[in-house]
Amino acid sequence: MVLRCALRMKRAGTPTFVLTIPLVVKPAEDRVLIGYMEAGRRLYNATLGEALRRYDLLRQSKAWQSTRGMNDKKARGAACNSLLKEYRLTPALMITYARIRKNEAKWQDRLGSNVAQRIAEHAFSAVQQHLS
């Protein structure tokens, strides 16, 4: 198994590099690590799919269409936030969804609660880029 780590510098135009370190593990440990990564991948895809489904429902609503046309920024922001809560598209609700899916799949031994939370936050931020 090869572990790749990409280090990126904060400033644009500075050089970046990728450090590749061979990770020497026993076959049994390799299977365990692959199991952890596969569980994380599946949880991310499930959470992202659910977030995209909720996002599509939100975009199709008439209330969202009228909210996007508002000129008053404060009123538009308040209306958007209430619609996000109504369509259950908030970070906290996506974290709850990921936790429930993790527990239903019986991945408690593979994914901790902090890992599931980070996965859900990452999936939500991907969908949030479309909202902007």
C-alpha atoms as a PDB file:
ATOM      1  CA  MET A   1       0.000   0.000   0.000  1.00  0.00           C
ATOM      2  CA  VAL A   2       1.331   3.452  -0.888  1.00  0.00           C
ATOM      3  CA  LEU A   3       0.365   6.467   1.184  1.00  0.00           C
ATOM      4  CA  ARG A   4       0.320   9.735  -0.737  1.00  0.00           C
ATOM      5  CA  CYS A   5       0.361  13.079   0.962  1.00  0.00           C
ATOM      6  CA  ALA A   6      -0.025  16.281  -1.051  1.00  0.00           C
ATOM      7  CA  LEU A   7       1.316  19.356   0.650  1.00  0.00           C
ATOM      8  CA  ARG A   8      -0.045  22.621  -0.669  1.00  0.00           C
ATOM      9  CA  MET A   9       1.301  26.020   0.114  1.00  0.00           C
ATOM     10  CA  LYS A  10      -1.081  28.838   1.040  1.00  0.00           C
ATOM     11  CA  ARG A  11       0.207  31.383  -1.477  1.00  0.00           C
ATOM     12  CA  ALA A  12      -0.557  31.025  -5.163  1.00  0.00           C
ATOM     13  CA  GLY A  13       2.400  30.521  -7.435  1.00  0.00           C
ATOM     14  CA  THR A  14       4.599  28.778  -4.885  1.00  0.00           C
ATOM     15  CA  PRO A  15       5.813  25.294  -5.720  1.00  0.00           C
ATOM     16  CA  THR A  16       3.973  22.264  -4.407  1.00  0.00           C
ATOM     17  CA  PHE A  17       5.112  18.684  -4.122  1.00  0.00           C
ATOM     18  CA  VAL A  18       3.740  15.235  -3.463  1.00  0.00           C
ATOM     19  CA  LEU A  19       5.454  12.995  -0.964  1.00  0.00           C
ATOM     20  CA  THR A  20       4.979   9.283  -1.596  1.00  0.00           C
ATOM     21  CA  ILE A  21       5.862   6.974   1.262  1.00  0.00           C
ATOM     22  CA  PRO A  22       5.435   3.220   0.942  1.00  0.00           C
ATOM     23  CA  LEU A  23       3.386   1.954   3.846  1.00  0.00           C
ATOM     24  CA  VAL A  24       4.601  -1.489   4.826  1.00  0.00           C
ATOM     25  CA  VAL A  25       1.830  -3.495   6.466  1.00  0.00           C
ATOM     26  CA  LYS A  26       0.907  -7.114   6.846  1.00  0.00           C
ATOM     27  CA  PRO A  27      -1.845  -8.489   4.584  1.00  0.00           C
ATOM     28  CA  ALA A  28      -4.321  -8.616   7.471  1.00  0.00           C
ATOM     29  CA  GLU A  29      -3.607  -4.974   8.352  1.00  0.00           C
ATOM     30  CA  ASP A  30      -3.943  -4.056   4.680  1.00  0.00           C
ATOM     31  CA  ARG A  31      -7.438  -5.576   4.578  1.00  0.00           C
ATOM     32  CA  VAL A  32      -8.411  -3.643   7.707  1.00  0.00           C
ATOM     33  CA  LEU A  33      -7.172  -0.340   6.273  1.00  0.00           C
ATOM     34  CA  ILE A  34      -8.952  -0.962   2.990  1.00  0.00           C
ATOM     35  CA  GLY A  35     -12.120  -1.750   4.962  1.00  0.00           C
ATOM     36  CA  TYR A  36     -11.871   1.587   6.795  1.00  0.00           C
ATOM     37  CA  MET A  37     -11.362   3.493   3.553  1.00  0.00           C
ATOM     38  CA  GLU A  38     -14.177   1.659   1.792  1.00  0.00           C
ATOM     39  CA  ALA A  39     -16.584   2.373   4.659  1.00  0.00           C
ATOM     40  CA  GLY A  40     -15.600   6.051   4.539  1.00  0.00           C
ATOM     41  CA  ARG A  41     -16.086   6.182   0.773  1.00  0.00           C
ATOM     42  CA  ARG A  42     -19.503   4.562   0.961  1.00  0.00           C
ATOM     43  CA  LEU A  43     -20.636   6.842   3.782  1.00  0.00           C
ATOM     44  CA  TYR A  44     -19.449   9.913   1.870  1.00  0.00           C
ATOM     45  CA  ASN A  45     -21.258   8.835  -1.302  1.00  0.00           C
ATOM     46  CA  ALA A  46     -24.474   8.085   0.603  1.00  0.00           C
ATOM     47  CA  THR A  47     -24.360  11.410   2.436  1.00  0.00           C
ATOM     48  CA  LEU A  48     -23.504  13.362  -0.698  1.00  0.00           C
ATOM     49  CA  GLY A  49     -26.316  11.636  -2.594  1.00  0.00           C
ATOM     50  CA  GLU A  50     -28.826  12.516   0.111  1.00  0.00           C
ATOM     51  CA  ALA A  51     -27.609  16.123   0.265  1.00  0.00           C
ATOM     52  CA  LEU A  52     -27.893  16.435  -3.522  1.00  0.00           C
ATOM     53  CA  ARG A  53     -31.390  14.943  -3.418  1.00  0.00           C
ATOM     54  CA  ARG A  54     -32.460  17.510  -0.825  1.00  0.00           C
ATOM     55  CA  TYR A  55     -30.762  20.266  -2.826  1.00  0.00           C
ATOM     56  CA  ASP A  56     -32.675  19.283  -5.980  1.00  0.00           C
ATOM     57  CA  LEU A  57     -35.967  19.309  -4.077  1.00  0.00           C
ATOM     58  CA  LEU A  58     -35.104  22.741  -2.706  1.00  0.00           C
ATOM     59  CA  ARG A  59     -34.224  24.119  -6.145  1.00  0.00           C
ATOM     60  CA  GLN A  60     -37.483  22.845  -7.636  1.00  0.00           C
ATOM     61  CA  SER A  61     -39.642  24.556  -5.009  1.00  0.00           C
ATOM     62  CA  LYS A  62     -41.557  27.694  -5.903  1.00  0.00           C
ATOM     63  CA  ALA A  63     -40.552  29.280  -2.605  1.00  0.00           C
ATOM     64  CA  TRP A  64     -36.855  28.969  -3.531  1.00  0.00           C
ATOM     65  CA  GLN A  65     -37.495  30.513  -6.945  1.00  0.00           C
ATOM     66  CA  SER A  66     -39.213  33.522  -5.395  1.00  0.00           C
ATOM     67  CA  THR A  67     -36.598  33.845  -2.653  1.00  0.00           C
ATOM     68  CA  ARG A  68     -33.756  34.057  -5.147  1.00  0.00           C
ATOM     69  CA  GLY A  69     -35.405  37.099  -6.748  1.00  0.00           C
ATOM     70  CA  MET A  70     -35.585  39.135  -3.534  1.00  0.00           C
ATOM     71  CA  ASN A  71     -33.621  42.392  -3.449  1.00  0.00           C
ATOM     72  CA  ASP A  72     -33.438  42.855   0.331  1.00  0.00           C
ATOM     73  CA  LYS A  73     -30.370  40.882   1.459  1.00  0.00           C
ATOM     74  CA  LYS A  74     -31.509  40.404   5.070  1.00  0.00           C
ATOM     75  CA  ALA A  75     -34.955  39.179   4.087  1.00  0.00           C
ATOM     76  CA  ARG A  76     -33.493  36.928   1.392  1.00  0.00           C
ATOM     77  CA  GLY A  77     -30.989  35.454   3.855  1.00  0.00           C
ATOM     78  CA  ALA A  78     -33.671  34.789   6.450  1.00  0.00           C
ATOM     79  CA  ALA A  79     -35.951  33.205   3.839  1.00  0.00           C
ATOM     80  CA  CYS A  80     -33.107  31.055   2.501  1.00  0.00           C
ATOM     81  CA  ASN A  81     -32.190  29.848   5.983  1.00  0.00           C
ATOM     82  CA  SER A  82     -35.789  28.914   6.754  1.00  0.00           C
ATOM     83  CA  LEU A  83     -36.055  27.033   3.443  1.00  0.00           C
ATOM     84  CA  LEU A  84     -32.798  25.178   4.139  1.00  0.00           C
ATOM     85  CA  LYS A  85     -34.207  24.073   7.486  1.00  0.00           C
ATOM     86  CA  GLU A  86     -37.525  23.120   5.881  1.00  0.00           C
ATOM     87  CA  TYR A  87     -35.770  20.946   3.293  1.00  0.00           C
ATOM     88  CA  ARG A  88     -33.427  19.558   5.982  1.00  0.00           C
ATOM     89  CA  LEU A  89     -30.297  20.830   4.249  1.00  0.00           C
ATOM     90  CA  THR A  90     -28.170  22.030   7.158  1.00  0.00           C
ATOM     91  CA  PRO A  91     -24.791  20.793   8.404  1.00  0.00           C
ATOM     92  CA  ALA A  92     -26.263  19.450  11.638  1.00  0.00           C
ATOM     93  CA  LEU A  93     -28.963  17.485   9.837  1.00  0.00           C
ATOM     94  CA  MET A  94     -26.469  16.039   7.361  1.00  0.00           C
ATOM     95  CA  ILE A  95     -24.251  14.967  10.271  1.00  0.00           C
ATOM     96  CA  THR A  96     -27.270  13.276  11.844  1.00  0.00           C
ATOM     97  CA  TYR A  97     -28.034  11.550   8.538  1.00  0.00           C
ATOM     98  CA  ALA A  98     -24.431  10.289   8.252  1.00  0.00           C
ATOM     99  CA  ARG A  99     -24.443   9.041  11.851  1.00  0.00           C
ATOM    100  CA  ILE A 100     -27.698   7.143  11.281  1.00  0.00           C
ATOM    101  CA  ARG A 101     -26.381   5.568   8.052  1.00  0.00           C
ATOM    102  CA  LYS A 102     -23.115   4.601   9.756  1.00  0.00           C
ATOM    103  CA  ASN A 103     -25.001   2.907  12.585  1.00  0.00           C
ATOM    104  CA  GLU A 104     -27.424   1.154  10.220  1.00  0.00           C
ATOM    105  CA  ALA A 105     -24.482  -0.236   8.237  1.00  0.00           C
ATOM    106  CA  LYS A 106     -22.886  -1.395  11.514  1.00  0.00           C
ATOM    107  CA  TRP A 107     -19.659   0.509  10.813  1.00  0.00           C
ATOM    108  CA  GLN A 108     -19.132   1.585  14.422  1.00  0.00           C
ATOM    109  CA  ASP A 109     -15.948  -0.478  14.517  1.00  0.00           C
ATOM    110  CA  ARG A 110     -14.649   1.073  11.269  1.00  0.00           C
ATOM    111  CA  LEU A 111     -15.749   4.706  11.508  1.00  0.00           C
ATOM    112  CA  GLY A 112     -15.810   6.758  14.662  1.00  0.00           C
ATOM    113  CA  SER A 113     -18.315   9.520  15.300  1.00  0.00           C
ATOM    114  CA  ASN A 114     -15.729  12.226  14.564  1.00  0.00           C
ATOM    115  CA  VAL A 115     -14.864  10.653  11.210  1.00  0.00           C
ATOM    116  CA  ALA A 116     -18.553  10.389  10.267  1.00  0.00           C
ATOM    117  CA  GLN A 117     -19.023  14.029  11.258  1.00  0.00           C
ATOM    118  CA  ARG A 118     -16.105  15.180   9.085  1.00  0.00           C
ATOM    119  CA  ILE A 119     -17.360  13.110   6.159  1.00  0.00           C
ATOM    120  CA  ALA A 120     -20.823  14.688   6.456  1.00  0.00           C
ATOM    121  CA  GLU A 121     -19.344  18.187   6.733  1.00  0.00           C
ATOM    122  CA  HIS A 122     -17.262  17.573   3.625  1.00  0.00           C
ATOM    123  CA  ALA A 123     -20.283  16.330   1.670  1.00  0.00           C
ATOM    124  CA  PHE A 124     -22.348  19.311   2.841  1.00  0.00           C
ATOM    125  CA  SER A 125     -19.650  21.793   1.822  1.00  0.00           C
ATOM    126  CA  ALA A 126     -19.603  20.249  -1.664  1.00  0.00           C
ATOM    127  CA  VAL A 127     -23.340  20.892  -2.007  1.00  0.00           C
ATOM    128  CA  GLN A 128     -23.059  24.298  -0.356  1.00  0.00           C
ATOM    129  CA  GLN A 129     -20.823  25.457  -3.207  1.00  0.00           C
ATOM    130  CA  HIS A 130     -23.806  24.989  -5.524  1.00  0.00           C
ATOM    131  CA  LEU A 131     -26.020  27.075  -3.241  1.00  0.00           C
ATOM    132  CA  SER A 132     -23.764  30.111  -3.511  1.00  0.00           C
END
